[in-house]
Amino acid sequence: MHTPHPPRPPYPPPGGDPGESDEALAARLRGRPEAEAARSVALLTARHWHAMHDYATVCLAAGGRTAAMVTGAALHRVLDRVALGESAVALRPVLLVGVRDTVREWAADDHVAEALPGLLKPAGGRGMRAATTMTPENRTLAQRAFRSLPPLARCLLWHVEVEAEPISVPAGLLGTDVDLASGALDQARDKFRQGLVRAHQELAPTQECRFHNRLLDVPIRRGGELLPDVRRHMAECRYCRNAAEQLGHFESGLGTLVAEAVLGWGARRYLDSRPGRAVSGPRSGRGGRRR
C-alpha cells in the first residue's frame, strides 16, 4: 500500500527560512494560534519524517502502513511534549527514540498487535517486546555521556556523526552560522569524551576500576600502548574492556557509538539507511576529527 509522505529533502534542511531553527518552529506550538502551530508542525514534519520512517521500518523489520502509523504516532507524541515546553534543539534523536518506544509499546499490547500484524515479526516488534533493555551493556557509558551533553552538542553530534550530513545541516536546524557550528562540533566531541570518562569513574564497580580510569583514557587518546597493569586488569574486567572499546571509537568515528548508545535496537541498520553514508561516509566540520 502506498503511503503518502513528504519528499526526501536535499541539503540544506528544508522547512522555513534558512535561519529558522527547530526550536524557533517549536516555540510557535506553545500557546500560539492554531494556524501558526499547524505551519510549524508541517515544517518540522518535512524535516524529520523520512528519518523517522526509515527507523520505523528498521524497528518493525518491514515498511508499509504500520511503519507510517508508528511514525505519525511518535511524531505526534514528541511534538505534544514540545508544545508543553520540552526543548526541540536536538529534536532528531528524540523523535527516533519516540519511534522505537512506540513500536515496543504497541507490540507489548496484545490487542494492538492483533490489529497490526506488522508488529509481530521476530526481528521487529516481537523481538523488541521480548528484550529486557534497548541499550547494550557495552554502550551504557556512552548513553550516560550523550545524555549529559547540552542539546546543541547532541544535535551536532547526531547529524554529523550518525546521519553523516554536512555541518550546514545541523547549523540550519540550530539557526546558527556554519563556522560557529564547526567550532562547537569540536567542543561537542571533547565534551562527549569527557562525559564518557566521567561516567566510567562514577559507575565503576570497584576501586581498582576507578584507579585505572585515566590510565585507560590517556593512552587511547594519544594512540599509545596501555600499561601492562592496565592490560592485566582489562583481561579480568569486562566493565573496563567495554570502556576502552567505547573510547576507541573517538579515533575511528563516532557514528556507531552514538547511534548504539541512543537507539540501541537496530542502530547499525539505521546507520546503513542514511543517505549521507551512501554518498561519502561521515562528514565533519571545518577541521575534521582531531587526532
C-alpha atoms as a PDB file:
ATOM      1  CA  MET A   1       0.000   0.000   0.000  1.00  0.00           C
ATOM      2  CA  HIS A   2       1.395   3.376  -0.967  1.00  0.00           C
ATOM      3  CA  THR A   3       1.622   5.789   1.956  1.00  0.00           C
ATOM      4  CA  PRO A   4       1.994   9.466   1.041  1.00  0.00           C
ATOM      5  CA  HIS A   5       4.680  11.316   2.930  1.00  0.00           C
ATOM      6  CA  PRO A   6       6.885  14.338   2.325  1.00  0.00           C
ATOM      7  CA  PRO A   7       9.530  14.006  -0.423  1.00  0.00           C
ATOM      8  CA  ARG A   8      13.076  13.278   0.731  1.00  0.00           C
ATOM      9  CA  PRO A   9      14.715  16.687   1.157  1.00  0.00           C
ATOM     10  CA  PRO A  10      18.066  17.792  -0.249  1.00  0.00           C
ATOM     11  CA  TYR A  11      20.744  19.553   1.759  1.00  0.00           C
ATOM     12  CA  PRO A  12      20.435  22.033   3.451  1.00  0.00           C
ATOM     13  CA  PRO A  13      17.416  21.151   5.625  1.00  0.00           C
ATOM     14  CA  PRO A  14      14.061  22.369   4.351  1.00  0.00           C
ATOM     15  CA  GLY A  15      11.255  23.807   6.396  1.00  0.00           C
ATOM     16  CA  GLY A  16      11.104  27.517   6.992  1.00  0.00           C
ATOM     17  CA  ASP A  17      13.649  30.162   6.166  1.00  0.00           C
ATOM     18  CA  PRO A  18      17.394  29.301   6.299  1.00  0.00           C
ATOM     19  CA  GLY A  19      17.763  30.786   9.777  1.00  0.00           C
ATOM     20  CA  GLU A  20      14.581  29.268  11.225  1.00  0.00           C
ATOM     21  CA  SER A  21      15.699  26.690  13.781  1.00  0.00           C
ATOM     22  CA  ASP A  22      13.779  23.683  15.043  1.00  0.00           C
ATOM     23  CA  GLU A  23      13.434  25.449  18.383  1.00  0.00           C
ATOM     24  CA  ALA A  24      12.045  28.587  16.712  1.00  0.00           C
ATOM     25  CA  LEU A  25       9.445  26.479  14.932  1.00  0.00           C
ATOM     26  CA  ALA A  26       8.675  24.619  18.156  1.00  0.00           C
ATOM     27  CA  ALA A  27       8.124  27.895  20.013  1.00  0.00           C
ATOM     28  CA  ARG A  28       5.132  28.511  17.768  1.00  0.00           C
ATOM     29  CA  LEU A  29       3.493  25.367  19.112  1.00  0.00           C
ATOM     30  CA  ARG A  30       3.355  26.909  22.579  1.00  0.00           C
ATOM     31  CA  GLY A  31       0.255  28.998  23.091  1.00  0.00           C
ATOM     32  CA  ARG A  32       0.061  30.322  19.525  1.00  0.00           C
ATOM     33  CA  PRO A  33      -2.932  30.386  17.144  1.00  0.00           C
ATOM     34  CA  GLU A  34      -3.819  27.040  15.597  1.00  0.00           C
ATOM     35  CA  ALA A  35      -2.879  28.097  12.059  1.00  0.00           C
ATOM     36  CA  GLU A  36       0.586  29.175  13.173  1.00  0.00           C
ATOM     37  CA  ALA A  37       1.075  25.930  15.118  1.00  0.00           C
ATOM     38  CA  ALA A  38      -0.060  23.911  12.101  1.00  0.00           C
ATOM     39  CA  ARG A  39       2.597  25.577   9.951  1.00  0.00           C
ATOM     40  CA  SER A  40       5.310  24.629  12.434  1.00  0.00           C
ATOM     41  CA  VAL A  41       4.089  21.036  12.582  1.00  0.00           C
ATOM     42  CA  ALA A  42       4.182  20.843   8.783  1.00  0.00           C
ATOM     43  CA  LEU A  43       7.715  22.228   8.569  1.00  0.00           C
ATOM     44  CA  LEU A  44       9.066  20.020  11.372  1.00  0.00           C
ATOM     45  CA  THR A  45       7.425  17.017   9.720  1.00  0.00           C
ATOM     46  CA  ALA A  46       9.099  17.884   6.416  1.00  0.00           C
ATOM     47  CA  ARG A  47      12.468  17.997   8.150  1.00  0.00           C
ATOM     48  CA  HIS A  48      12.260  14.791  10.161  1.00  0.00           C
ATOM     49  CA  TRP A  49       9.626  12.444   8.698  1.00  0.00           C
ATOM     50  CA  HIS A  50      11.901  10.458   6.413  1.00  0.00           C
ATOM     51  CA  ALA A  51      14.462   9.618   9.095  1.00  0.00           C
ATOM     52  CA  MET A  52      11.686   8.587  11.471  1.00  0.00           C
ATOM     53  CA  HIS A  53      10.007   6.441   8.823  1.00  0.00           C
ATOM     54  CA  ASP A  54      13.330   4.796   7.947  1.00  0.00           C
ATOM     55  CA  TYR A  55      13.855   3.887  11.605  1.00  0.00           C
ATOM     56  CA  ALA A  56      10.270   2.682  11.988  1.00  0.00           C
ATOM     57  CA  THR A  57      10.950   0.336   9.072  1.00  0.00           C
ATOM     58  CA  VAL A  58      14.079  -0.888  10.857  1.00  0.00           C
ATOM     59  CA  CYS A  59      12.258  -1.432  14.160  1.00  0.00           C
ATOM     60  CA  LEU A  60       9.383  -3.282  12.505  1.00  0.00           C
ATOM     61  CA  ALA A  61      11.599  -5.172  10.032  1.00  0.00           C
ATOM     62  CA  ALA A  62       9.032  -4.041   7.457  1.00  0.00           C
ATOM     63  CA  GLY A  63       7.705  -0.854   5.904  1.00  0.00           C
ATOM     64  CA  GLY A  64       4.238  -0.041   4.666  1.00  0.00           C
ATOM     65  CA  ARG A  65       1.156   1.059   6.572  1.00  0.00           C
ATOM     66  CA  THR A  66       2.317   0.099  10.066  1.00  0.00           C
ATOM     67  CA  ALA A  67       5.612   1.978   9.689  1.00  0.00           C
ATOM     68  CA  ALA A  68       3.711   5.090   8.605  1.00  0.00           C
ATOM     69  CA  MET A  69       1.324   4.757  11.545  1.00  0.00           C
ATOM     70  CA  VAL A  70       4.190   4.378  14.017  1.00  0.00           C
ATOM     71  CA  THR A  71       5.951   7.401  12.514  1.00  0.00           C
ATOM     72  CA  GLY A  72       2.868   9.567  12.766  1.00  0.00           C
ATOM     73  CA  ALA A  73       2.088   8.477  16.329  1.00  0.00           C
ATOM     74  CA  ALA A  74       5.669   9.075  17.518  1.00  0.00           C
ATOM     75  CA  LEU A  75       5.789  12.498  15.855  1.00  0.00           C
ATOM     76  CA  HIS A  76       2.506  13.472  17.499  1.00  0.00           C
ATOM     77  CA  ARG A  77       3.688  12.254  20.913  1.00  0.00           C
ATOM     78  CA  VAL A  78       7.006  14.132  20.808  1.00  0.00           C
ATOM     79  CA  LEU A  79       5.535  17.372  19.435  1.00  0.00           C
ATOM     80  CA  ASP A  80       2.906  17.287  22.178  1.00  0.00           C
ATOM     81  CA  ARG A  81       5.729  17.294  24.734  1.00  0.00           C
ATOM     82  CA  VAL A  82       7.499  20.075  22.841  1.00  0.00           C
ATOM     83  CA  ALA A  83       4.292  22.130  22.884  1.00  0.00           C
ATOM     84  CA  LEU A  84       4.297  21.784  26.673  1.00  0.00           C
ATOM     85  CA  GLY A  85       7.834  23.184  26.895  1.00  0.00           C
ATOM     86  CA  GLU A  86      10.290  20.366  26.159  1.00  0.00           C
ATOM     87  CA  SER A  87      13.324  21.526  24.165  1.00  0.00           C
ATOM     88  CA  ALA A  88      13.419  20.962  20.406  1.00  0.00           C
ATOM     89  CA  VAL A  89      17.099  21.888  19.989  1.00  0.00           C
ATOM     90  CA  ALA A  90      18.236  18.278  19.472  1.00  0.00           C
ATOM     91  CA  LEU A  91      14.957  17.003  18.053  1.00  0.00           C
ATOM     92  CA  ARG A  92      16.041  14.203  15.695  1.00  0.00           C
ATOM     93  CA  PRO A  93      17.340  11.685  18.269  1.00  0.00           C
ATOM     94  CA  VAL A  94      14.327  12.370  20.495  1.00  0.00           C
ATOM     95  CA  LEU A  95      11.974  11.653  17.588  1.00  0.00           C
ATOM     96  CA  LEU A  96      13.799   8.432  16.754  1.00  0.00           C
ATOM     97  CA  VAL A  97      13.635   7.219  20.353  1.00  0.00           C
ATOM     98  CA  GLY A  98       9.935   8.046  20.178  1.00  0.00           C
ATOM     99  CA  VAL A  99       9.625   5.720  17.178  1.00  0.00           C
ATOM    100  CA  ARG A 100      11.439   2.917  18.986  1.00  0.00           C
ATOM    101  CA  ASP A 101       9.356   3.283  22.138  1.00  0.00           C
ATOM    102  CA  THR A 102       6.112   3.402  20.162  1.00  0.00           C
ATOM    103  CA  VAL A 103       6.919   0.130  18.389  1.00  0.00           C
ATOM    104  CA  ARG A 104       7.870  -1.528  21.660  1.00  0.00           C
ATOM    105  CA  GLU A 105       4.746  -0.335  23.497  1.00  0.00           C
ATOM    106  CA  TRP A 106       2.385  -1.273  20.673  1.00  0.00           C
ATOM    107  CA  ALA A 107       3.994  -4.704  20.319  1.00  0.00           C
ATOM    108  CA  ALA A 108       3.575  -5.296  24.072  1.00  0.00           C
ATOM    109  CA  ASP A 109      -0.194  -4.685  23.835  1.00  0.00           C
ATOM    110  CA  ASP A 110      -1.885  -7.862  22.595  1.00  0.00           C
ATOM    111  CA  HIS A 111      -4.921  -6.020  21.284  1.00  0.00           C
ATOM    112  CA  VAL A 112      -2.821  -3.561  19.276  1.00  0.00           C
ATOM    113  CA  ALA A 113      -0.574  -6.351  17.975  1.00  0.00           C
ATOM    114  CA  GLU A 114      -3.633  -8.285  16.845  1.00  0.00           C
ATOM    115  CA  ALA A 115      -4.922  -5.249  14.936  1.00  0.00           C
ATOM    116  CA  LEU A 116      -1.498  -4.567  13.401  1.00  0.00           C
ATOM    117  CA  PRO A 117       0.165  -7.873  12.414  1.00  0.00           C
ATOM    118  CA  GLY A 118       3.194  -5.882  11.222  1.00  0.00           C
ATOM    119  CA  LEU A 119       4.193  -5.684  14.886  1.00  0.00           C
ATOM    120  CA  LEU A 120       4.662  -9.448  15.168  1.00  0.00           C
ATOM    121  CA  LYS A 121       7.890 -10.057  13.253  1.00  0.00           C
ATOM    122  CA  PRO A 122      10.570 -11.767  15.402  1.00  0.00           C
ATOM    123  CA  ALA A 123      13.187  -9.344  14.089  1.00  0.00           C
ATOM    124  CA  GLY A 124      10.834  -6.428  14.742  1.00  0.00           C
ATOM    125  CA  GLY A 125       8.177  -5.700  17.331  1.00  0.00           C
ATOM    126  CA  ARG A 126       8.082  -9.201  18.787  1.00  0.00           C
ATOM    127  CA  GLY A 127      11.823  -9.127  19.378  1.00  0.00           C
ATOM    128  CA  MET A 128      11.625  -5.674  20.956  1.00  0.00           C
ATOM    129  CA  ARG A 129       8.805  -6.862  23.199  1.00  0.00           C
ATOM    130  CA  ALA A 130      10.978  -9.702  24.492  1.00  0.00           C
ATOM    131  CA  ALA A 131      14.098  -7.575  25.018  1.00  0.00           C
ATOM    132  CA  THR A 132      14.839  -6.544  28.599  1.00  0.00           C
ATOM    133  CA  THR A 133      16.624  -3.336  27.567  1.00  0.00           C
ATOM    134  CA  MET A 134      17.197  -1.288  24.441  1.00  0.00           C
ATOM    135  CA  THR A 135      20.733  -0.249  25.419  1.00  0.00           C
ATOM    136  CA  PRO A 136      23.556  -2.802  25.064  1.00  0.00           C
ATOM    137  CA  GLU A 137      25.726  -3.281  28.124  1.00  0.00           C
ATOM    138  CA  ASN A 138      28.767  -2.034  26.231  1.00  0.00           C
ATOM    139  CA  ARG A 139      27.043   1.293  25.460  1.00  0.00           C
ATOM    140  CA  THR A 140      25.830   2.356  28.896  1.00  0.00           C
ATOM    141  CA  LEU A 141      28.735   4.765  29.460  1.00  0.00           C
ATOM    142  CA  ALA A 142      28.237   6.421  26.062  1.00  0.00           C
ATOM    143  CA  GLN A 143      24.498   6.658  26.697  1.00  0.00           C
ATOM    144  CA  ARG A 144      25.087   8.436  30.008  1.00  0.00           C
ATOM    145  CA  ALA A 145      27.696  10.737  28.434  1.00  0.00           C
ATOM    146  CA  PHE A 146      25.451  11.665  25.496  1.00  0.00           C
ATOM    147  CA  ARG A 147      22.512  12.449  27.763  1.00  0.00           C
ATOM    148  CA  SER A 148      24.712  14.750  29.846  1.00  0.00           C
ATOM    149  CA  LEU A 149      25.603  16.910  26.824  1.00  0.00           C
ATOM    150  CA  PRO A 150      23.928  20.260  26.145  1.00  0.00           C
ATOM    151  CA  PRO A 151      21.210  19.974  23.447  1.00  0.00           C
ATOM    152  CA  LEU A 152      23.298  21.911  20.912  1.00  0.00           C
ATOM    153  CA  ALA A 153      26.124  19.383  21.244  1.00  0.00           C
ATOM    154  CA  ARG A 154      23.716  16.463  20.897  1.00  0.00           C
ATOM    155  CA  CYS A 155      22.283  17.973  17.717  1.00  0.00           C
ATOM    156  CA  LEU A 156      25.702  18.487  16.139  1.00  0.00           C
ATOM    157  CA  LEU A 157      26.996  15.028  17.020  1.00  0.00           C
ATOM    158  CA  TRP A 158      23.855  13.298  15.824  1.00  0.00           C
ATOM    159  CA  HIS A 159      23.617  14.967  12.430  1.00  0.00           C
ATOM    160  CA  VAL A 160      27.332  14.941  11.607  1.00  0.00           C
ATOM    161  CA  GLU A 161      28.409  11.620  13.102  1.00  0.00           C
ATOM    162  CA  VAL A 162      25.260   9.497  12.774  1.00  0.00           C
ATOM    163  CA  GLU A 163      23.399  10.997   9.820  1.00  0.00           C
ATOM    164  CA  ALA A 164      26.706  11.784   8.054  1.00  0.00           C
ATOM    165  CA  GLU A 165      25.378  15.149   6.935  1.00  0.00           C
ATOM    166  CA  PRO A 166      27.468  18.264   6.215  1.00  0.00           C
ATOM    167  CA  ILE A 167      27.796  20.749   9.037  1.00  0.00           C
ATOM    168  CA  SER A 168      25.397  23.089   7.217  1.00  0.00           C
ATOM    169  CA  VAL A 169      22.502  20.760   8.082  1.00  0.00           C
ATOM    170  CA  PRO A 170      22.694  20.937  11.899  1.00  0.00           C
ATOM    171  CA  ALA A 171      23.683  24.603  11.589  1.00  0.00           C
ATOM    172  CA  GLY A 172      20.380  25.181   9.790  1.00  0.00           C
ATOM    173  CA  LEU A 173      18.429  23.164  12.348  1.00  0.00           C
ATOM    174  CA  LEU A 174      20.066  25.210  15.103  1.00  0.00           C
ATOM    175  CA  GLY A 175      19.691  28.511  13.263  1.00  0.00           C
ATOM    176  CA  THR A 176      23.374  29.274  13.615  1.00  0.00           C
ATOM    177  CA  ASP A 177      26.357  30.146  11.422  1.00  0.00           C
ATOM    178  CA  VAL A 178      28.272  27.262   9.800  1.00  0.00           C
ATOM    179  CA  ASP A 179      31.629  28.428  11.173  1.00  0.00           C
ATOM    180  CA  LEU A 180      30.231  28.684  14.684  1.00  0.00           C
ATOM    181  CA  ALA A 181      28.699  25.235  14.335  1.00  0.00           C
ATOM    182  CA  SER A 182      32.045  23.800  13.200  1.00  0.00           C
ATOM    183  CA  GLY A 183      33.806  25.145  16.275  1.00  0.00           C
ATOM    184  CA  ALA A 184      31.008  23.892  18.518  1.00  0.00           C
ATOM    185  CA  LEU A 185      31.296  20.436  16.927  1.00  0.00           C
ATOM    186  CA  ASP A 186      34.910  20.087  18.080  1.00  0.00           C
ATOM    187  CA  GLN A 187      33.829  21.102  21.580  1.00  0.00           C
ATOM    188  CA  ALA A 188      30.931  18.629  21.461  1.00  0.00           C
ATOM    189  CA  ARG A 189      33.298  15.748  20.665  1.00  0.00           C
ATOM    190  CA  ASP A 190      35.574  16.766  23.532  1.00  0.00           C
ATOM    191  CA  LYS A 191      32.656  17.066  25.976  1.00  0.00           C
ATOM    192  CA  PHE A 192      31.302  13.704  24.890  1.00  0.00           C
ATOM    193  CA  ARG A 193      34.641  12.052  25.587  1.00  0.00           C
ATOM    194  CA  GLN A 194      34.976  13.801  28.934  1.00  0.00           C
ATOM    195  CA  GLY A 195      31.469  12.651  29.812  1.00  0.00           C
ATOM    196  CA  LEU A 196      32.319   9.054  28.957  1.00  0.00           C
ATOM    197  CA  VAL A 197      35.459   9.119  31.106  1.00  0.00           C
ATOM    198  CA  ARG A 198      33.462  10.672  33.944  1.00  0.00           C
ATOM    199  CA  ALA A 199      30.742   8.023  33.594  1.00  0.00           C
ATOM    200  CA  HIS A 200      33.388   5.291  33.809  1.00  0.00           C
ATOM    201  CA  GLN A 201      34.604   6.809  37.056  1.00  0.00           C
ATOM    202  CA  GLU A 202      31.124   7.301  38.534  1.00  0.00           C
ATOM    203  CA  LEU A 203      29.760   3.863  37.641  1.00  0.00           C
ATOM    204  CA  ALA A 204      32.943   1.877  38.310  1.00  0.00           C
ATOM    205  CA  PRO A 205      32.096  -1.329  40.196  1.00  0.00           C
ATOM    206  CA  THR A 206      35.420  -1.452  42.084  1.00  0.00           C
ATOM    207  CA  GLN A 207      38.096   0.852  43.411  1.00  0.00           C
ATOM    208  CA  GLU A 208      40.563  -0.769  41.017  1.00  0.00           C
ATOM    209  CA  CYS A 209      38.390   0.244  38.061  1.00  0.00           C
ATOM    210  CA  ARG A 210      38.346   3.834  39.322  1.00  0.00           C
ATOM    211  CA  PHE A 211      42.132   3.740  39.734  1.00  0.00           C
ATOM    212  CA  HIS A 212      42.552   2.733  36.074  1.00  0.00           C
ATOM    213  CA  ASN A 213      40.235   5.486  34.809  1.00  0.00           C
ATOM    214  CA  ARG A 214      42.837   7.892  33.386  1.00  0.00           C
ATOM    215  CA  LEU A 215      45.269   5.066  32.664  1.00  0.00           C
ATOM    216  CA  LEU A 216      42.689   3.883  30.122  1.00  0.00           C
ATOM    217  CA  ASP A 217      41.793   7.234  28.599  1.00  0.00           C
ATOM    218  CA  VAL A 218      45.147   8.942  28.094  1.00  0.00           C
ATOM    219  CA  PRO A 219      46.986   6.184  26.127  1.00  0.00           C
ATOM    220  CA  ILE A 220      43.952   5.571  23.902  1.00  0.00           C
ATOM    221  CA  ARG A 221      43.645   9.309  23.240  1.00  0.00           C
ATOM    222  CA  ARG A 222      47.327   9.511  22.296  1.00  0.00           C
ATOM    223  CA  GLY A 223      47.343   6.297  20.279  1.00  0.00           C
ATOM    224  CA  GLY A 224      49.842   4.623  22.606  1.00  0.00           C
ATOM    225  CA  GLU A 225      50.013   1.267  24.353  1.00  0.00           C
ATOM    226  CA  LEU A 226      48.194   0.581  27.592  1.00  0.00           C
ATOM    227  CA  LEU A 227      50.367  -0.145  30.612  1.00  0.00           C
ATOM    228  CA  PRO A 228      50.862  -3.842  31.467  1.00  0.00           C
ATOM    229  CA  ASP A 229      48.937  -3.423  34.732  1.00  0.00           C
ATOM    230  CA  VAL A 230      46.000  -1.932  32.824  1.00  0.00           C
ATOM    231  CA  ARG A 231      46.040  -4.769  30.285  1.00  0.00           C
ATOM    232  CA  ARG A 232      46.048  -7.332  33.098  1.00  0.00           C
ATOM    233  CA  HIS A 233      43.116  -5.619  34.755  1.00  0.00           C
ATOM    234  CA  MET A 234      41.174  -5.454  31.499  1.00  0.00           C
ATOM    235  CA  ALA A 235      41.714  -9.166  30.890  1.00  0.00           C
ATOM    236  CA  GLU A 236      39.636  -9.796  34.011  1.00  0.00           C
ATOM    237  CA  CYS A 237      37.252  -6.807  33.933  1.00  0.00           C
ATOM    238  CA  ARG A 238      34.522  -6.616  31.309  1.00  0.00           C
ATOM    239  CA  TYR A 239      33.451  -3.178  32.549  1.00  0.00           C
ATOM    240  CA  CYS A 240      36.833  -1.636  31.728  1.00  0.00           C
ATOM    241  CA  ARG A 241      37.125  -3.574  28.455  1.00  0.00           C
ATOM    242  CA  ASN A 242      33.819  -2.034  27.418  1.00  0.00           C
ATOM    243  CA  ALA A 243      35.041   1.409  28.442  1.00  0.00           C
ATOM    244  CA  ALA A 244      38.229   1.031  26.393  1.00  0.00           C
ATOM    245  CA  GLU A 245      36.246  -0.141  23.360  1.00  0.00           C
ATOM    246  CA  GLN A 246      33.929   2.883  23.594  1.00  0.00           C
ATOM    247  CA  LEU A 247      36.864   5.272  23.922  1.00  0.00           C
ATOM    248  CA  GLY A 248      38.413   3.690  20.841  1.00  0.00           C
ATOM    249  CA  HIS A 249      35.543   4.992  18.703  1.00  0.00           C
ATOM    250  CA  PHE A 250      36.754   8.551  19.190  1.00  0.00           C
ATOM    251  CA  GLU A 251      39.704   7.720  16.956  1.00  0.00           C
ATOM    252  CA  SER A 252      37.780   5.799  14.298  1.00  0.00           C
ATOM    253  CA  GLY A 253      34.426   7.581  14.027  1.00  0.00           C
ATOM    254  CA  LEU A 254      31.607   8.234  16.464  1.00  0.00           C
ATOM    255  CA  GLY A 255      28.590   7.350  14.329  1.00  0.00           C
ATOM    256  CA  THR A 256      28.239   3.755  15.501  1.00  0.00           C
ATOM    257  CA  LEU A 257      28.913   4.591  19.152  1.00  0.00           C
ATOM    258  CA  VAL A 258      26.371   7.426  19.289  1.00  0.00           C
ATOM    259  CA  ALA A 259      23.665   5.536  17.383  1.00  0.00           C
ATOM    260  CA  GLU A 260      24.014   2.420  19.537  1.00  0.00           C
ATOM    261  CA  ALA A 261      24.080   4.474  22.734  1.00  0.00           C
ATOM    262  CA  VAL A 262      20.930   6.428  21.862  1.00  0.00           C
ATOM    263  CA  LEU A 263      18.863   3.927  19.888  1.00  0.00           C
ATOM    264  CA  GLY A 264      20.243   0.531  20.813  1.00  0.00           C
ATOM    265  CA  TRP A 265      17.797  -1.569  18.804  1.00  0.00           C
ATOM    266  CA  GLY A 266      18.534  -1.548  15.078  1.00  0.00           C
ATOM    267  CA  ALA A 267      21.205   1.150  15.336  1.00  0.00           C
ATOM    268  CA  ARG A 268      23.522  -0.414  12.738  1.00  0.00           C
ATOM    269  CA  ARG A 269      20.659  -0.879  10.281  1.00  0.00           C
ATOM    270  CA  TYR A 270      19.595   2.708  10.811  1.00  0.00           C
ATOM    271  CA  LEU A 271      23.152   3.863  10.098  1.00  0.00           C
ATOM    272  CA  ASP A 272      23.151   1.877   6.864  1.00  0.00           C
ATOM    273  CA  SER A 273      19.933   3.613   5.812  1.00  0.00           C
ATOM    274  CA  ARG A 274      21.365   7.129   5.995  1.00  0.00           C
ATOM    275  CA  PRO A 275      21.728   8.812   2.579  1.00  0.00           C
ATOM    276  CA  GLY A 276      24.837  10.731   3.678  1.00  0.00           C
ATOM    277  CA  ARG A 277      26.693   7.495   4.347  1.00  0.00           C
ATOM    278  CA  ALA A 278      25.828   6.125   0.931  1.00  0.00           C
ATOM    279  CA  VAL A 279      27.328   9.224  -0.690  1.00  0.00           C
ATOM    280  CA  SER A 280      30.612   9.810   1.070  1.00  0.00           C
ATOM    281  CA  GLY A 281      30.602   8.491   4.637  1.00  0.00           C
ATOM    282  CA  PRO A 282      30.655  10.585   7.804  1.00  0.00           C
ATOM    283  CA  ARG A 283      31.218  14.294   7.363  1.00  0.00           C
ATOM    284  CA  SER A 284      32.835  16.557   9.876  1.00  0.00           C
ATOM    285  CA  GLY A 285      33.205  20.257  10.489  1.00  0.00           C
ATOM    286  CA  ARG A 286      35.919  22.643   9.486  1.00  0.00           C
ATOM    287  CA  GLY A 287      38.932  20.678  10.606  1.00  0.00           C
ATOM    288  CA  GLY A 288      37.617  17.135  10.680  1.00  0.00           C
ATOM    289  CA  ARG A 289      38.272  14.765  13.527  1.00  0.00           C
ATOM    290  CA  ARG A 290      41.253  15.681  15.679  1.00  0.00           C
ATOM    291  CA  ARG A 291      43.854  13.045  16.390  1.00  0.00           C
END
